[in-house]
């Protein structure tokens, strides 16, 4: 069904726009989220007497490296979604098998997005650096919204597409002699 293919393309483009805008905002308004990274890594707004404070990072060079990695990952994710969507546009009228293979960049982009916003923000920032304890510098709700949107699109995009005439995808052609029984 062509409309489902267009929906997958549109959702991939929407995620591309989101990720590229997040990366752009982090570059053009560097200080705002740099402060977020600094406060989370230094753990200075977690509970008083927190036994996990040995994990805190108070080195500004490491804060900048962490922030640069986040921005680079967000930009890369946006580019993966964009190039993946462009690839899907190019093959939108192709067979189901071709369209399904063209989804690879979108799947890679969604995987990287999940790693950034679930692993990076929920596991590393949220649990390792106890971000959940901070009433001011807690990005878990935003990260949850991001990775659940990504997962929803990933699940939809990963659903197999049939050929446009409604017939199921044709199996791969057998190699000559592959139907013979082993001796």
C-alpha atoms as a PDB file:
ATOM      1  CA  UNK A   1       0.000   0.000   0.000  1.00  0.00           C
ATOM      2  CA  UNK A   2       1.593   3.221  -1.179  1.00  0.00           C
ATOM      3  CA  UNK A   3       0.003   5.352   1.558  1.00  0.00           C
ATOM      4  CA  UNK A   4       1.799   3.293   4.247  1.00  0.00           C
ATOM      5  CA  UNK A   5       5.092   3.889   2.463  1.00  0.00           C
ATOM      6  CA  UNK A   6       4.425   7.627   2.389  1.00  0.00           C
ATOM      7  CA  UNK A   7       3.586   7.511   6.101  1.00  0.00           C
ATOM      8  CA  UNK A   8       6.902   5.793   6.840  1.00  0.00           C
ATOM      9  CA  UNK A   9       8.735   8.400   4.794  1.00  0.00           C
ATOM     10  CA  UNK A  10       6.897  11.284   6.497  1.00  0.00           C
ATOM     11  CA  UNK A  11       7.630   9.932   9.969  1.00  0.00           C
ATOM     12  CA  UNK A  12      11.296   9.447   9.104  1.00  0.00           C
ATOM     13  CA  UNK A  13      11.468  13.018   7.803  1.00  0.00           C
ATOM     14  CA  UNK A  14       9.779  14.309  10.968  1.00  0.00           C
ATOM     15  CA  UNK A  15      12.374  12.542  13.131  1.00  0.00           C
ATOM     16  CA  UNK A  16      15.136  13.923  10.898  1.00  0.00           C
ATOM     17  CA  UNK A  17      13.798  17.452  11.379  1.00  0.00           C
ATOM     18  CA  UNK A  18      13.537  16.954  15.131  1.00  0.00           C
ATOM     19  CA  UNK A  19      17.060  15.577  15.581  1.00  0.00           C
ATOM     20  CA  UNK A  20      18.678  18.131  13.283  1.00  0.00           C
ATOM     21  CA  UNK A  21      16.838  20.939  15.078  1.00  0.00           C
ATOM     22  CA  UNK A  22      17.946  19.620  18.486  1.00  0.00           C
ATOM     23  CA  UNK A  23      21.569  19.491  17.295  1.00  0.00           C
ATOM     24  CA  UNK A  24      21.270  22.966  15.725  1.00  0.00           C
ATOM     25  CA  UNK A  25      19.761  24.394  18.922  1.00  0.00           C
ATOM     26  CA  UNK A  26      22.541  22.866  21.007  1.00  0.00           C
ATOM     27  CA  UNK A  27      25.149  24.510  18.777  1.00  0.00           C
ATOM     28  CA  UNK A  28      23.488  27.922  18.475  1.00  0.00           C
ATOM     29  CA  UNK A  29      22.376  28.065  22.131  1.00  0.00           C
ATOM     30  CA  UNK A  30      25.389  26.177  23.436  1.00  0.00           C
ATOM     31  CA  UNK A  31      25.367  27.545  26.963  1.00  0.00           C
ATOM     32  CA  UNK A  32      21.865  26.469  27.938  1.00  0.00           C
ATOM     33  CA  UNK A  33      22.323  22.724  27.564  1.00  0.00           C
ATOM     34  CA  UNK A  34      26.026  22.886  28.393  1.00  0.00           C
ATOM     35  CA  UNK A  35      24.885  24.028  31.829  1.00  0.00           C
ATOM     36  CA  UNK A  36      22.535  21.031  31.920  1.00  0.00           C
ATOM     37  CA  UNK A  37      25.426  18.640  31.147  1.00  0.00           C
ATOM     38  CA  UNK A  38      27.627  20.375  33.732  1.00  0.00           C
ATOM     39  CA  UNK A  39      25.011  20.131  36.481  1.00  0.00           C
ATOM     40  CA  UNK A  40      24.117  16.506  35.740  1.00  0.00           C
ATOM     41  CA  UNK A  41      27.722  15.304  35.538  1.00  0.00           C
ATOM     42  CA  UNK A  42      28.798  17.241  38.634  1.00  0.00           C
ATOM     43  CA  UNK A  43      25.764  15.838  40.507  1.00  0.00           C
ATOM     44  CA  UNK A  44      25.543  19.068  42.489  1.00  0.00           C
ATOM     45  CA  UNK A  45      21.738  19.082  42.667  1.00  0.00           C
ATOM     46  CA  UNK A  46      21.265  15.488  43.825  1.00  0.00           C
ATOM     47  CA  UNK A  47      20.201  14.585  47.355  1.00  0.00           C
ATOM     48  CA  UNK A  48      22.427  15.860  50.174  1.00  0.00           C
ATOM     49  CA  UNK A  49      24.706  13.151  51.516  1.00  0.00           C
ATOM     50  CA  UNK A  50      24.299  11.107  48.337  1.00  0.00           C
ATOM     51  CA  UNK A  51      26.558   8.027  48.568  1.00  0.00           C
ATOM     52  CA  UNK A  52      26.950   8.035  44.775  1.00  0.00           C
ATOM     53  CA  UNK A  53      28.895  11.322  44.648  1.00  0.00           C
ATOM     54  CA  UNK A  54      32.116   9.450  43.883  1.00  0.00           C
ATOM     55  CA  UNK A  55      30.732   9.197  40.336  1.00  0.00           C
ATOM     56  CA  UNK A  56      30.558  12.953  39.809  1.00  0.00           C
ATOM     57  CA  UNK A  57      32.658  14.595  37.126  1.00  0.00           C
ATOM     58  CA  UNK A  58      33.785  18.130  37.902  1.00  0.00           C
ATOM     59  CA  UNK A  59      36.283  18.640  35.094  1.00  0.00           C
ATOM     60  CA  UNK A  60      35.060  21.264  32.546  1.00  0.00           C
ATOM     61  CA  UNK A  61      37.054  19.584  29.755  1.00  0.00           C
ATOM     62  CA  UNK A  62      35.122  16.353  30.307  1.00  0.00           C
ATOM     63  CA  UNK A  63      31.840  18.295  30.386  1.00  0.00           C
ATOM     64  CA  UNK A  64      32.659  19.809  26.989  1.00  0.00           C
ATOM     65  CA  UNK A  65      33.655  16.427  25.560  1.00  0.00           C
ATOM     66  CA  UNK A  66      30.419  14.841  26.804  1.00  0.00           C
ATOM     67  CA  UNK A  67      28.358  17.679  25.361  1.00  0.00           C
ATOM     68  CA  UNK A  68      30.203  17.542  22.022  1.00  0.00           C
ATOM     69  CA  UNK A  69      29.508  13.789  21.808  1.00  0.00           C
ATOM     70  CA  UNK A  70      25.814  14.380  22.486  1.00  0.00           C
ATOM     71  CA  UNK A  71      25.577  17.085  19.820  1.00  0.00           C
ATOM     72  CA  UNK A  72      27.516  14.977  17.302  1.00  0.00           C
ATOM     73  CA  UNK A  73      25.266  11.987  17.945  1.00  0.00           C
ATOM     74  CA  UNK A  74      22.097  14.088  17.564  1.00  0.00           C
ATOM     75  CA  UNK A  75      23.396  15.490  14.271  1.00  0.00           C
ATOM     76  CA  UNK A  76      24.370  12.037  13.017  1.00  0.00           C
ATOM     77  CA  UNK A  77      20.941  10.686  13.937  1.00  0.00           C
ATOM     78  CA  UNK A  78      19.263  13.508  12.028  1.00  0.00           C
ATOM     79  CA  UNK A  79      21.423  12.840   8.977  1.00  0.00           C
ATOM     80  CA  UNK A  80      20.679   9.101   9.160  1.00  0.00           C
ATOM     81  CA  UNK A  81      16.935   9.752   9.301  1.00  0.00           C
ATOM     82  CA  UNK A  82      17.154  12.279   6.467  1.00  0.00           C
ATOM     83  CA  UNK A  83      19.252  10.095   4.150  1.00  0.00           C
ATOM     84  CA  UNK A  84      17.111   7.092   5.075  1.00  0.00           C
ATOM     85  CA  UNK A  85      13.933   8.997   4.175  1.00  0.00           C
ATOM     86  CA  UNK A  86      15.478  10.165   0.897  1.00  0.00           C
ATOM     87  CA  UNK A  87      16.354   6.558   0.081  1.00  0.00           C
ATOM     88  CA  UNK A  88      12.783   5.506   0.852  1.00  0.00           C
ATOM     89  CA  UNK A  89      11.474   8.264  -1.428  1.00  0.00           C
ATOM     90  CA  UNK A  90      13.724   6.985  -4.219  1.00  0.00           C
ATOM     91  CA  UNK A  91      12.332   3.430  -3.979  1.00  0.00           C
ATOM     92  CA  UNK A  92       8.757   4.208  -2.939  1.00  0.00           C
ATOM     93  CA  UNK A  93       7.358   2.550  -6.086  1.00  0.00           C
ATOM     94  CA  UNK A  94       9.732  -0.420  -6.066  1.00  0.00           C
ATOM     95  CA  UNK A  95       8.970  -3.946  -4.970  1.00  0.00           C
ATOM     96  CA  UNK A  96       8.331  -4.710  -1.326  1.00  0.00           C
ATOM     97  CA  UNK A  97      11.714  -6.422  -1.061  1.00  0.00           C
ATOM     98  CA  UNK A  98      13.562  -3.358  -2.380  1.00  0.00           C
ATOM     99  CA  UNK A  99      11.596  -0.971  -0.154  1.00  0.00           C
ATOM    100  CA  UNK A 100      12.222  -3.178   2.893  1.00  0.00           C
ATOM    101  CA  UNK A 101      15.975  -3.207   2.229  1.00  0.00           C
ATOM    102  CA  UNK A 102      15.987   0.588   1.852  1.00  0.00           C
ATOM    103  CA  UNK A 103      14.822   0.995   5.457  1.00  0.00           C
ATOM    104  CA  UNK A 104      18.304   0.236   6.817  1.00  0.00           C
ATOM    105  CA  UNK A 105      19.395   3.849   7.438  1.00  0.00           C
ATOM    106  CA  UNK A 106      16.153   4.666   9.231  1.00  0.00           C
ATOM    107  CA  UNK A 107      16.618   1.593  11.434  1.00  0.00           C
ATOM    108  CA  UNK A 108      20.226   2.589  12.185  1.00  0.00           C
ATOM    109  CA  UNK A 109      19.112   6.152  12.972  1.00  0.00           C
ATOM    110  CA  UNK A 110      16.393   4.905  15.315  1.00  0.00           C
ATOM    111  CA  UNK A 111      18.831   2.576  17.048  1.00  0.00           C
ATOM    112  CA  UNK A 112      21.325   5.376  17.603  1.00  0.00           C
ATOM    113  CA  UNK A 113      18.524   7.671  18.809  1.00  0.00           C
ATOM    114  CA  UNK A 114      17.423   5.023  21.300  1.00  0.00           C
ATOM    115  CA  UNK A 115      20.999   4.685  22.521  1.00  0.00           C
ATOM    116  CA  UNK A 116      21.352   8.451  23.002  1.00  0.00           C
ATOM    117  CA  UNK A 117      18.036   9.126  24.709  1.00  0.00           C
ATOM    118  CA  UNK A 118      17.478   5.868  26.562  1.00  0.00           C
ATOM    119  CA  UNK A 119      20.997   4.669  27.329  1.00  0.00           C
ATOM    120  CA  UNK A 120      22.593   8.109  27.505  1.00  0.00           C
ATOM    121  CA  UNK A 121      19.883  10.021  29.327  1.00  0.00           C
ATOM    122  CA  UNK A 122      18.045   7.318  31.278  1.00  0.00           C
ATOM    123  CA  UNK A 123      20.839   4.881  32.128  1.00  0.00           C
ATOM    124  CA  UNK A 124      23.987   7.001  32.245  1.00  0.00           C
ATOM    125  CA  UNK A 125      22.604  10.421  33.270  1.00  0.00           C
ATOM    126  CA  UNK A 126      19.497   9.203  35.072  1.00  0.00           C
ATOM    127  CA  UNK A 127      20.926   6.316  37.048  1.00  0.00           C
ATOM    128  CA  UNK A 128      24.729   6.544  37.012  1.00  0.00           C
ATOM    129  CA  UNK A 129      24.788  10.299  37.686  1.00  0.00           C
ATOM    130  CA  UNK A 130      21.533  10.152  39.711  1.00  0.00           C
ATOM    131  CA  UNK A 131      19.831  12.791  37.584  1.00  0.00           C
ATOM    132  CA  UNK A 132      16.513  11.435  38.863  1.00  0.00           C
ATOM    133  CA  UNK A 133      17.337  12.990  42.239  1.00  0.00           C
ATOM    134  CA  UNK A 134      17.516  16.527  40.832  1.00  0.00           C
ATOM    135  CA  UNK A 135      14.363  18.599  40.840  1.00  0.00           C
ATOM    136  CA  UNK A 136      15.931  21.208  38.571  1.00  0.00           C
ATOM    137  CA  UNK A 137      18.202  19.310  36.156  1.00  0.00           C
ATOM    138  CA  UNK A 138      16.205  16.175  35.383  1.00  0.00           C
ATOM    139  CA  UNK A 139      15.788  15.427  31.685  1.00  0.00           C
ATOM    140  CA  UNK A 140      14.235  11.998  32.040  1.00  0.00           C
ATOM    141  CA  UNK A 141      10.709  13.006  31.012  1.00  0.00           C
ATOM    142  CA  UNK A 142      11.937  14.715  27.865  1.00  0.00           C
ATOM    143  CA  UNK A 143      14.219  11.774  27.032  1.00  0.00           C
ATOM    144  CA  UNK A 144      11.278   9.393  27.541  1.00  0.00           C
ATOM    145  CA  UNK A 145       9.166  11.359  25.061  1.00  0.00           C
ATOM    146  CA  UNK A 146      12.009  11.309  22.539  1.00  0.00           C
ATOM    147  CA  UNK A 147      12.832   7.618  22.649  1.00  0.00           C
ATOM    148  CA  UNK A 148       9.209   6.452  22.766  1.00  0.00           C
ATOM    149  CA  UNK A 149       8.460   8.498  19.631  1.00  0.00           C
ATOM    150  CA  UNK A 150      11.522   6.972  17.981  1.00  0.00           C
ATOM    151  CA  UNK A 151      10.501   3.456  19.014  1.00  0.00           C
ATOM    152  CA  UNK A 152       6.988   3.973  17.688  1.00  0.00           C
ATOM    153  CA  UNK A 153       8.324   5.057  14.305  1.00  0.00           C
ATOM    154  CA  UNK A 154      10.885   2.238  14.302  1.00  0.00           C
ATOM    155  CA  UNK A 155       8.183  -0.382  14.900  1.00  0.00           C
ATOM    156  CA  UNK A 156       6.007   1.056  12.120  1.00  0.00           C
ATOM    157  CA  UNK A 157       8.855   1.441   9.633  1.00  0.00           C
ATOM    158  CA  UNK A 158      10.134  -2.070  10.353  1.00  0.00           C
ATOM    159  CA  UNK A 159       6.793  -3.646   9.441  1.00  0.00           C
ATOM    160  CA  UNK A 160       7.355  -5.462   6.155  1.00  0.00           C
ATOM    161  CA  UNK A 161       5.995  -3.859   3.010  1.00  0.00           C
ATOM    162  CA  UNK A 162       4.351  -5.955   0.306  1.00  0.00           C
ATOM    163  CA  UNK A 163       4.578  -5.306  -3.384  1.00  0.00           C
ATOM    164  CA  UNK A 164       2.347  -2.418  -4.400  1.00  0.00           C
ATOM    165  CA  UNK A 165      -0.040  -4.643  -6.353  1.00  0.00           C
ATOM    166  CA  UNK A 166      -1.022  -6.213  -3.043  1.00  0.00           C
ATOM    167  CA  UNK A 167       0.799  -9.465  -3.635  1.00  0.00           C
ATOM    168  CA  UNK A 168       3.092 -10.606  -0.850  1.00  0.00           C
ATOM    169  CA  UNK A 169       6.818 -10.154  -1.446  1.00  0.00           C
ATOM    170  CA  UNK A 170       8.229 -12.789  -3.745  1.00  0.00           C
ATOM    171  CA  UNK A 171      10.719 -15.180  -2.171  1.00  0.00           C
ATOM    172  CA  UNK A 172      14.302 -14.913  -3.320  1.00  0.00           C
ATOM    173  CA  UNK A 173      14.985 -16.888  -6.464  1.00  0.00           C
ATOM    174  CA  UNK A 174      16.437 -20.337  -5.866  1.00  0.00           C
ATOM    175  CA  UNK A 175      19.876 -21.048  -7.134  1.00  0.00           C
ATOM    176  CA  UNK A 176      20.105 -23.582  -9.844  1.00  0.00           C
ATOM    177  CA  UNK A 177      20.241 -27.079  -8.436  1.00  0.00           C
ATOM    178  CA  UNK A 178      19.249 -25.999  -4.915  1.00  0.00           C
ATOM    179  CA  UNK A 179      16.127 -28.163  -5.045  1.00  0.00           C
ATOM    180  CA  UNK A 180      18.144 -31.354  -5.235  1.00  0.00           C
ATOM    181  CA  UNK A 181      18.358 -33.517  -2.180  1.00  0.00           C
ATOM    182  CA  UNK A 182      21.794 -34.026  -0.646  1.00  0.00           C
ATOM    183  CA  UNK A 183      23.470 -37.303  -1.540  1.00  0.00           C
END
